[in-house]
Amino acid sequence: MLKIAREETAEALQTKDEYEKHLLPMFKEKQRHCDPYEKRIRKLEQRLNDVYPLGQRNINNNTDASGLKVIVYKAEDSGDVEGTKAHVSGLEHMDEEG
């Protein structure tokens, strides 16, 4: 009985290792596909931090440092379960880098 369990365990471990070898190249390819997007997100986050320093935001007056209108609403009013959110409205579109 113990011998059978040992053989089945060894077979399961071998199958797991083969599956890992199969998944690893797929994962690396997906990561290579995501890398440019992550880099773009970091650039945009830095740009936002540069343009909208935290101390210059003024949500109480419904405008931010750039003068864009900020609309604040609560989850109870919208049925949203995530809490208070702010929406910034303006005409500037996000630019695409190639």
N, C-alpha and C. Protein backbone atom coordinates (compact mmCIF):
# COMPACT_ATOMS: atom_id res chain seq x y z
N MET A 1 0.82 -1.18 0.00
CA MET A 1 0.00 0.00 0.00
C MET A 1 0.87 1.26 0.00
N LEU A 2 1.89 1.29 0.86
CA LEU A 2 2.79 2.44 0.93
C LEU A 2 3.55 2.62 -0.38
N LYS A 3 3.91 1.52 -1.01
CA LYS A 3 4.64 1.57 -2.28
C LYS A 3 3.77 2.20 -3.36
N ILE A 4 2.51 1.87 -3.40
CA ILE A 4 1.59 2.44 -4.39
C ILE A 4 1.43 3.94 -4.17
N ALA A 5 1.29 4.34 -2.92
CA ALA A 5 1.16 5.76 -2.60
C ALA A 5 2.42 6.53 -3.01
N ARG A 6 3.58 5.92 -2.77
CA ARG A 6 4.84 6.56 -3.13
C ARG A 6 4.94 6.71 -4.66
N GLU A 7 4.56 5.68 -5.40
CA GLU A 7 4.60 5.74 -6.87
C GLU A 7 3.62 6.78 -7.41
N GLU A 8 2.42 6.83 -6.84
CA GLU A 8 1.44 7.81 -7.28
C GLU A 8 1.89 9.24 -6.96
N THR A 9 2.52 9.40 -5.82
CA THR A 9 3.05 10.72 -5.45
C THR A 9 4.15 11.14 -6.41
N ALA A 10 5.07 10.23 -6.73
CA ALA A 10 6.15 10.52 -7.67
C ALA A 10 5.59 10.88 -9.05
N GLU A 11 4.57 10.15 -9.48
CA GLU A 11 3.94 10.42 -10.77
C GLU A 11 3.26 11.79 -10.77
N ALA A 12 2.59 12.11 -9.67
CA ALA A 12 1.91 13.41 -9.57
C ALA A 12 2.93 14.55 -9.57
N LEU A 13 4.05 14.36 -8.87
CA LEU A 13 5.09 15.38 -8.86
C LEU A 13 5.71 15.57 -10.24
N GLN A 14 5.90 14.49 -10.95
CA GLN A 14 6.45 14.57 -12.31
C GLN A 14 5.47 15.29 -13.24
N THR A 15 4.20 15.00 -13.12
CA THR A 15 3.18 15.67 -13.92
C THR A 15 3.15 17.16 -13.61
N LYS A 16 3.25 17.50 -12.33
CA LYS A 16 3.29 18.90 -11.91
C LYS A 16 4.50 19.62 -12.53
N ASP A 17 5.66 18.97 -12.49
CA ASP A 17 6.87 19.57 -13.06
C ASP A 17 6.73 19.79 -14.56
N GLU A 18 6.14 18.82 -15.26
CA GLU A 18 5.92 18.97 -16.70
C GLU A 18 4.96 20.11 -17.00
N TYR A 19 3.93 20.24 -16.20
CA TYR A 19 2.95 21.32 -16.39
C TYR A 19 3.60 22.67 -16.13
N GLU A 20 4.47 22.73 -15.11
CA GLU A 20 5.19 23.96 -14.82
C GLU A 20 6.07 24.36 -16.01
N LYS A 21 6.76 23.39 -16.60
CA LYS A 21 7.60 23.66 -17.78
C LYS A 21 6.76 24.15 -18.95
N HIS A 22 5.54 23.68 -19.04
CA HIS A 22 4.63 24.11 -20.10
C HIS A 22 4.12 25.54 -19.84
N LEU A 23 3.82 25.86 -18.59
CA LEU A 23 3.26 27.17 -18.24
C LEU A 23 4.29 28.29 -18.23
N LEU A 24 5.52 27.98 -17.84
CA LEU A 24 6.53 29.02 -17.69
C LEU A 24 6.77 29.83 -18.97
N PRO A 25 6.96 29.20 -20.13
CA PRO A 25 7.12 30.02 -21.35
C PRO A 25 5.88 30.85 -21.67
N MET A 26 4.71 30.32 -21.41
CA MET A 26 3.48 31.08 -21.64
C MET A 26 3.44 32.30 -20.73
N PHE A 27 3.80 32.11 -19.47
CA PHE A 27 3.82 33.22 -18.52
C PHE A 27 4.82 34.28 -18.94
N LYS A 28 6.01 33.86 -19.36
CA LYS A 28 7.04 34.82 -19.79
C LYS A 28 6.57 35.61 -21.00
N GLU A 29 5.89 34.97 -21.93
CA GLU A 29 5.38 35.66 -23.11
C GLU A 29 4.31 36.69 -22.71
N LYS A 30 3.43 36.31 -21.81
CA LYS A 30 2.41 37.24 -21.33
C LYS A 30 3.06 38.43 -20.62
N GLN A 31 4.10 38.16 -19.84
CA GLN A 31 4.80 39.24 -19.14
C GLN A 31 5.46 40.18 -20.14
N ARG A 32 6.08 39.64 -21.19
CA ARG A 32 6.69 40.49 -22.22
C ARG A 32 5.63 41.35 -22.89
N HIS A 33 4.44 40.81 -23.05
CA HIS A 33 3.34 41.56 -23.65
C HIS A 33 2.88 42.70 -22.72
N CYS A 34 2.92 42.46 -21.41
CA CYS A 34 2.44 43.46 -20.43
C CYS A 34 3.48 44.53 -20.12
N ASP A 35 4.75 44.24 -20.29
CA ASP A 35 5.81 45.18 -19.91
C ASP A 35 5.63 46.57 -20.50
N PRO A 36 5.37 46.72 -21.81
CA PRO A 36 5.20 48.08 -22.34
C PRO A 36 4.02 48.82 -21.71
N TYR A 37 2.95 48.12 -21.41
CA TYR A 37 1.79 48.75 -20.78
C TYR A 37 2.14 49.22 -19.37
N GLU A 38 2.86 48.38 -18.63
CA GLU A 38 3.25 48.75 -17.28
C GLU A 38 4.18 49.97 -17.30
N LYS A 39 5.09 50.00 -18.28
CA LYS A 39 5.99 51.14 -18.42
C LYS A 39 5.18 52.41 -18.73
N ARG A 40 4.21 52.29 -19.61
CA ARG A 40 3.36 53.43 -19.97
C ARG A 40 2.56 53.92 -18.76
N ILE A 41 2.04 53.00 -17.98
CA ILE A 41 1.28 53.36 -16.78
C ILE A 41 2.18 54.10 -15.80
N ARG A 42 3.41 53.62 -15.59
CA ARG A 42 4.34 54.31 -14.68
C ARG A 42 4.63 55.72 -15.17
N LYS A 43 4.82 55.89 -16.50
CA LYS A 43 5.07 57.22 -17.06
C LYS A 43 3.88 58.14 -16.82
N LEU A 44 2.68 57.63 -17.06
CA LEU A 44 1.48 58.44 -16.87
C LEU A 44 1.27 58.79 -15.40
N GLU A 45 1.53 57.83 -14.51
CA GLU A 45 1.42 58.11 -13.08
C GLU A 45 2.39 59.21 -12.68
N GLN A 46 3.63 59.14 -13.19
CA GLN A 46 4.62 60.16 -12.86
C GLN A 46 4.19 61.50 -13.41
N ARG A 47 3.66 61.49 -14.63
CA ARG A 47 3.18 62.73 -15.24
C ARG A 47 2.05 63.34 -14.42
N LEU A 48 1.12 62.50 -13.97
CA LEU A 48 0.03 62.99 -13.12
C LEU A 48 0.56 63.56 -11.81
N ASN A 49 1.53 62.88 -11.22
CA ASN A 49 2.12 63.37 -9.97
C ASN A 49 2.83 64.70 -10.18
N ASP A 50 3.46 64.87 -11.35
CA ASP A 50 4.14 66.12 -11.65
C ASP A 50 3.15 67.25 -11.89
N VAL A 51 2.05 66.95 -12.59
CA VAL A 51 1.07 67.97 -12.96
C VAL A 51 0.14 68.31 -11.80
N TYR A 52 -0.24 67.31 -11.03
CA TYR A 52 -1.21 67.51 -9.95
C TYR A 52 -0.59 67.15 -8.61
N PRO A 53 0.29 68.01 -8.09
CA PRO A 53 0.85 67.71 -6.77
C PRO A 53 -0.27 67.65 -5.73
N LEU A 54 -0.15 66.74 -4.80
CA LEU A 54 -1.20 66.47 -3.82
C LEU A 54 -1.63 67.72 -3.06
N GLY A 55 -0.72 68.60 -2.72
CA GLY A 55 -1.06 69.78 -1.94
C GLY A 55 -1.88 70.81 -2.69
N GLN A 56 -1.92 70.75 -4.04
CA GLN A 56 -2.63 71.77 -4.80
C GLN A 56 -4.06 71.37 -5.15
N ARG A 57 -4.46 70.17 -4.81
CA ARG A 57 -5.84 69.76 -5.11
C ARG A 57 -6.78 70.45 -4.14
N ASN A 58 -7.92 70.89 -4.66
CA ASN A 58 -8.88 71.58 -3.81
C ASN A 58 -10.27 71.06 -4.14
N ILE A 59 -10.60 69.90 -3.62
CA ILE A 59 -11.88 69.27 -3.95
C ILE A 59 -13.04 70.01 -3.30
N ASN A 60 -12.80 70.70 -2.19
CA ASN A 60 -13.87 71.45 -1.53
C ASN A 60 -14.48 72.50 -2.45
N ASN A 61 -13.69 73.10 -3.31
CA ASN A 61 -14.20 74.10 -4.24
C ASN A 61 -14.59 73.48 -5.58
N ASN A 62 -14.62 72.16 -5.66
CA ASN A 62 -14.99 71.41 -6.86
C ASN A 62 -14.09 71.69 -8.06
N THR A 63 -12.86 72.09 -7.81
CA THR A 63 -11.88 72.23 -8.88
C THR A 63 -10.56 71.68 -8.40
N ASP A 64 -9.71 71.28 -9.34
CA ASP A 64 -8.37 70.85 -8.95
C ASP A 64 -7.38 71.92 -9.34
N ALA A 65 -6.10 71.63 -9.24
CA ALA A 65 -5.06 72.63 -9.49
C ALA A 65 -5.09 73.16 -10.92
N SER A 66 -5.56 72.37 -11.86
CA SER A 66 -5.58 72.80 -13.26
C SER A 66 -6.86 73.55 -13.61
N GLY A 67 -7.82 73.61 -12.69
CA GLY A 67 -9.07 74.29 -12.96
C GLY A 67 -10.14 73.37 -13.51
N LEU A 68 -9.84 72.07 -13.66
CA LEU A 68 -10.86 71.13 -14.14
C LEU A 68 -11.90 70.92 -13.04
N LYS A 69 -13.13 70.75 -13.45
CA LYS A 69 -14.22 70.55 -12.48
C LYS A 69 -14.14 69.13 -11.93
N VAL A 70 -14.26 69.01 -10.62
CA VAL A 70 -14.23 67.72 -9.95
C VAL A 70 -15.62 67.47 -9.37
N ILE A 71 -16.21 66.33 -9.73
CA ILE A 71 -17.53 65.97 -9.22
C ILE A 71 -17.33 64.85 -8.21
N VAL A 72 -17.76 65.05 -6.97
CA VAL A 72 -17.63 64.06 -5.92
C VAL A 72 -19.00 63.48 -5.62
N TYR A 73 -19.10 62.17 -5.55
CA TYR A 73 -20.37 61.55 -5.19
C TYR A 73 -20.11 60.42 -4.23
N LYS A 74 -21.13 60.08 -3.45
CA LYS A 74 -21.01 59.04 -2.44
C LYS A 74 -21.66 57.76 -2.93
N ALA A 75 -21.19 56.64 -2.38
CA ALA A 75 -21.68 55.33 -2.78
C ALA A 75 -23.17 55.17 -2.54
N GLU A 76 -23.69 55.76 -1.45
CA GLU A 76 -25.11 55.59 -1.14
C GLU A 76 -25.98 56.18 -2.25
N ASP A 77 -25.52 57.30 -2.85
CA ASP A 77 -26.30 57.97 -3.88
C ASP A 77 -26.30 57.19 -5.19
N SER A 78 -25.21 56.48 -5.47
CA SER A 78 -25.07 55.83 -6.77
C SER A 78 -25.29 54.33 -6.72
N GLY A 79 -25.39 53.75 -5.52
CA GLY A 79 -25.51 52.31 -5.40
C GLY A 79 -24.16 51.62 -5.46
N ASP A 80 -23.07 52.38 -5.57
CA ASP A 80 -21.72 51.85 -5.63
C ASP A 80 -21.31 51.40 -4.24
N VAL A 81 -20.60 50.30 -4.12
CA VAL A 81 -20.21 49.80 -2.82
C VAL A 81 -18.79 50.18 -2.44
N GLU A 82 -18.08 50.90 -3.27
CA GLU A 82 -16.69 51.19 -3.01
C GLU A 82 -16.47 52.49 -2.24
N GLY A 83 -17.46 53.29 -1.97
CA GLY A 83 -17.28 54.50 -1.20
C GLY A 83 -17.28 55.74 -2.05
N THR A 84 -16.73 56.83 -1.50
CA THR A 84 -16.71 58.12 -2.18
C THR A 84 -15.73 58.08 -3.34
N LYS A 85 -16.13 58.68 -4.46
CA LYS A 85 -15.29 58.73 -5.65
C LYS A 85 -15.29 60.14 -6.19
N ALA A 86 -14.28 60.47 -6.95
CA ALA A 86 -14.22 61.77 -7.61
C ALA A 86 -14.07 61.54 -9.11
N HIS A 87 -14.74 62.35 -9.89
CA HIS A 87 -14.65 62.28 -11.34
C HIS A 87 -14.17 63.64 -11.83
N VAL A 88 -13.13 63.64 -12.64
CA VAL A 88 -12.60 64.89 -13.17
C VAL A 88 -13.08 65.01 -14.60
N SER A 89 -13.73 66.13 -14.91
CA SER A 89 -14.18 66.33 -16.27
C SER A 89 -13.33 67.40 -16.93
N GLY A 90 -13.01 67.20 -18.18
CA GLY A 90 -12.21 68.14 -18.94
C GLY A 90 -12.16 67.71 -20.39
N LEU A 91 -11.47 68.48 -21.21
CA LEU A 91 -11.43 68.19 -22.63
C LEU A 91 -10.13 67.53 -23.06
N GLU A 92 -9.12 67.48 -22.20
CA GLU A 92 -7.84 66.92 -22.59
C GLU A 92 -7.94 65.40 -22.70
N HIS A 93 -7.47 64.84 -23.81
CA HIS A 93 -7.48 63.40 -24.02
C HIS A 93 -6.12 62.82 -23.69
N MET A 94 -6.11 61.56 -23.26
CA MET A 94 -4.84 60.91 -22.99
C MET A 94 -4.14 60.65 -24.31
N ASP A 95 -2.87 61.02 -24.38
CA ASP A 95 -2.13 60.80 -25.61
C ASP A 95 -1.59 59.38 -25.64
N GLU A 96 -1.42 58.86 -26.84
CA GLU A 96 -0.89 57.51 -27.04
C GLU A 96 0.55 57.63 -27.49
N GLU A 97 1.41 56.85 -26.87
CA GLU A 97 2.80 56.80 -27.32
C GLU A 97 3.02 55.49 -28.02
N GLY A 98 3.75 55.50 -29.09
CA GLY A 98 3.96 54.29 -29.87
C GLY A 98 5.17 53.60 -29.58
